[in-house]
Amino acid sequence: MPHFVVQDKVSHDKYGLGHVVGVEEDIAVLVDFGTEIHRIIAPYPRLFKL
């Protein structure tokens, strides 16, 4: 399972490019995609580090 930290640049298959604004260790990450913030739950499907 990937490990994310605040300010990581990421890409999501549905939402596009964004950056991590919050981390709930091994539970979820909060990602700002510019127009909205999404909570992506582990194992972080379709979310990739850039």
N, C-alpha and C. Protein backbone atom coordinates (compact mmCIF):
# COMPACT_ATOMS: atom_id res chain seq x y z
N MET A 1 0.85 -1.18 0.00
CA MET A 1 0.00 0.00 0.00
C MET A 1 0.89 1.24 0.00
N PRO A 2 0.59 2.23 -0.86
CA PRO A 2 1.42 3.44 -0.91
C PRO A 2 1.32 4.26 0.36
N HIS A 3 2.35 5.02 0.64
CA HIS A 3 2.40 5.90 1.82
C HIS A 3 2.39 7.34 1.34
N PHE A 4 1.43 8.13 1.80
CA PHE A 4 1.31 9.53 1.39
C PHE A 4 1.61 10.45 2.56
N VAL A 5 2.17 11.62 2.26
CA VAL A 5 2.41 12.66 3.25
C VAL A 5 1.83 13.97 2.71
N VAL A 6 1.59 14.91 3.61
CA VAL A 6 1.04 16.21 3.23
C VAL A 6 1.96 16.86 2.20
N GLN A 7 1.36 17.45 1.19
CA GLN A 7 2.00 18.13 0.06
C GLN A 7 2.46 17.21 -1.06
N ASP A 8 2.26 15.88 -0.94
CA ASP A 8 2.55 14.99 -2.06
C ASP A 8 1.67 15.39 -3.24
N LYS A 9 2.26 15.43 -4.42
CA LYS A 9 1.51 15.65 -5.65
C LYS A 9 0.97 14.29 -6.09
N VAL A 10 -0.32 14.24 -6.44
CA VAL A 10 -0.96 12.98 -6.79
C VAL A 10 -1.84 13.13 -8.02
N SER A 11 -2.19 11.98 -8.58
CA SER A 11 -3.12 11.92 -9.70
C SER A 11 -4.17 10.86 -9.37
N HIS A 12 -5.42 11.17 -9.69
CA HIS A 12 -6.51 10.23 -9.47
C HIS A 12 -7.21 10.01 -10.81
N ASP A 13 -7.54 8.77 -11.12
CA ASP A 13 -8.16 8.43 -12.40
C ASP A 13 -9.45 9.20 -12.67
N LYS A 14 -10.20 9.54 -11.63
CA LYS A 14 -11.48 10.23 -11.80
C LYS A 14 -11.38 11.74 -11.58
N TYR A 15 -10.61 12.18 -10.56
CA TYR A 15 -10.59 13.58 -10.17
C TYR A 15 -9.45 14.39 -10.77
N GLY A 16 -8.41 13.74 -11.29
CA GLY A 16 -7.31 14.45 -11.92
C GLY A 16 -6.15 14.71 -10.98
N LEU A 17 -5.45 15.84 -11.21
CA LEU A 17 -4.27 16.18 -10.43
C LEU A 17 -4.64 16.92 -9.15
N GLY A 18 -3.86 16.66 -8.10
CA GLY A 18 -4.11 17.34 -6.83
C GLY A 18 -2.93 17.19 -5.91
N HIS A 19 -3.13 17.64 -4.66
CA HIS A 19 -2.08 17.46 -3.66
C HIS A 19 -2.72 17.09 -2.32
N VAL A 20 -1.98 16.31 -1.54
CA VAL A 20 -2.46 15.81 -0.26
C VAL A 20 -2.48 16.95 0.76
N VAL A 21 -3.62 17.14 1.42
CA VAL A 21 -3.73 18.18 2.45
C VAL A 21 -3.93 17.61 3.84
N GLY A 22 -4.15 16.30 3.93
CA GLY A 22 -4.31 15.66 5.23
C GLY A 22 -4.13 14.16 5.12
N VAL A 23 -3.63 13.58 6.22
CA VAL A 23 -3.39 12.14 6.24
C VAL A 23 -3.98 11.55 7.51
N GLU A 24 -4.82 10.54 7.36
CA GLU A 24 -5.31 9.73 8.47
C GLU A 24 -4.57 8.40 8.34
N GLU A 25 -3.51 8.23 9.08
CA GLU A 25 -2.55 7.13 8.91
C GLU A 25 -3.22 5.78 8.69
N ASP A 26 -2.95 5.18 7.53
CA ASP A 26 -3.45 3.86 7.13
C ASP A 26 -4.97 3.78 7.04
N ILE A 27 -5.66 4.93 7.03
CA ILE A 27 -7.12 4.94 6.93
C ILE A 27 -7.57 5.67 5.67
N ALA A 28 -7.10 6.92 5.50
CA ALA A 28 -7.53 7.74 4.36
C ALA A 28 -6.58 8.91 4.18
N VAL A 29 -6.68 9.55 3.01
CA VAL A 29 -5.97 10.80 2.76
C VAL A 29 -6.98 11.82 2.24
N LEU A 30 -6.75 13.08 2.55
CA LEU A 30 -7.56 14.17 2.02
C LEU A 30 -6.76 14.82 0.90
N VAL A 31 -7.39 14.93 -0.26
CA VAL A 31 -6.69 15.45 -1.43
C VAL A 31 -7.45 16.64 -1.99
N ASP A 32 -6.73 17.75 -2.19
CA ASP A 32 -7.29 18.95 -2.80
C ASP A 32 -7.07 18.87 -4.30
N PHE A 33 -8.18 18.80 -5.06
CA PHE A 33 -8.10 18.71 -6.50
C PHE A 33 -8.37 20.06 -7.17
N GLY A 34 -8.28 21.14 -6.40
CA GLY A 34 -8.47 22.48 -6.95
C GLY A 34 -9.87 23.01 -6.73
N THR A 35 -10.87 22.29 -7.21
CA THR A 35 -12.25 22.75 -7.04
C THR A 35 -12.94 22.09 -5.86
N GLU A 36 -12.37 20.99 -5.38
CA GLU A 36 -12.98 20.27 -4.25
C GLU A 36 -11.94 19.41 -3.56
N ILE A 37 -12.23 19.06 -2.31
CA ILE A 37 -11.37 18.17 -1.53
C ILE A 37 -12.09 16.84 -1.37
N HIS A 38 -11.37 15.75 -1.65
CA HIS A 38 -11.95 14.41 -1.51
C HIS A 38 -11.17 13.61 -0.48
N ARG A 39 -11.89 12.78 0.25
CA ARG A 39 -11.29 11.84 1.19
C ARG A 39 -11.22 10.50 0.47
N ILE A 40 -9.99 10.04 0.23
CA ILE A 40 -9.76 8.78 -0.46
C ILE A 40 -9.38 7.74 0.59
N ILE A 41 -10.18 6.69 0.69
CA ILE A 41 -10.00 5.67 1.72
C ILE A 41 -9.00 4.61 1.26
N ALA A 42 -8.16 4.15 2.19
CA ALA A 42 -7.20 3.07 1.90
C ALA A 42 -7.96 1.86 1.38
N PRO A 43 -7.41 1.15 0.44
CA PRO A 43 -6.05 1.14 -0.09
C PRO A 43 -5.81 2.13 -1.22
N TYR A 44 -6.52 3.25 -1.25
CA TYR A 44 -6.31 4.35 -2.19
C TYR A 44 -6.47 3.93 -3.65
N PRO A 45 -7.64 3.41 -4.01
CA PRO A 45 -7.85 2.96 -5.39
C PRO A 45 -7.72 4.13 -6.37
N ARG A 46 -7.03 3.89 -7.45
CA ARG A 46 -6.86 4.85 -8.56
C ARG A 46 -6.13 6.12 -8.16
N LEU A 47 -5.39 6.13 -7.02
CA LEU A 47 -4.62 7.30 -6.58
C LEU A 47 -3.13 6.97 -6.68
N PHE A 48 -2.39 7.84 -7.37
CA PHE A 48 -0.97 7.58 -7.63
C PHE A 48 -0.14 8.81 -7.29
N LYS A 49 1.04 8.57 -6.69
CA LYS A 49 2.01 9.65 -6.47
C LYS A 49 2.63 10.07 -7.78
N LEU A 50 2.94 11.35 -7.88
CA LEU A 50 3.66 11.84 -9.06
C LEU A 50 5.11 12.09 -8.72
